[in-house]
Structures are given as C-alpha cells and as structure tokens.
Amino acid sequence: MMGNNIKDISSINLVPYLLNLDASRNKLINIDCLTIDNKLEYLQELNLSGNKITELVPIKLPNLRNLNLSKNKIESLVNFKGHPKLEKLDLKKNKLRILSGLKDIPKL
C-alpha cells in the first residue's frame, strides 16, 4: 500500500490476520481506525511514515512491536497513553512539542 495517495486505511480492519502493514508515503491524516478493540490482533509491524498524521492516538493493536511514524506532522503525544508490547517507535522528522504521552511503554 506504499505510495498510493491513500487517505483512509479503515478497511484494513477487515483483514484480521495481517502481521505487517506498510502504508507509508500516502496521504493519511489520522489513524483513528487503530483505536478499535479486537481488530488487527496479530499486527506486529506498522509503517505509516511519510503521511500527514497530526496526532498519535491510543493504539489498540495488542501485538504491535514496531511502529514507524517518521516524517509526519505529529505535534503532540498527549493522547497516546503508551503501549505494553511496543519495542520500537520511530517519530523522527515530526513537529513534536508535547511528549507527555510517552509513558507506559515498558519494552521500548
């Protein structure tokens, strides 16, 4: 799905056994579809770099280990609330001003 001018990835919730998703270099503005419980239970790696995401919301992907959100427009992490299994979080080249949501990430 990389580099296709995609604006909405909510339909990925219909692919429950997905392990890895690369939706980088698209036109995503938000990732609200990742806040839904009991969806994408197996997803371990998610690359959303090079989009237009402005906020990191609480992500309800129970097995997510690697999240790449570099080169977006994220200004705040206040609503993130951490993640229990996340081992790698890439936020370089964003517009971060508030980091207070970076907590409760024991494996990072």
Foldseek 3Di string as FASTA:
>chain_A
DDQDQDADDLCQQVVQQDAEDEHAQHAHAADVSQQDAPGNQRHAYYEHDHYAHAEAAAGHHQRHAYYEHDHYAHAEDVHHQEHARHQYYHHHHYNYDYDVSPDNHVND
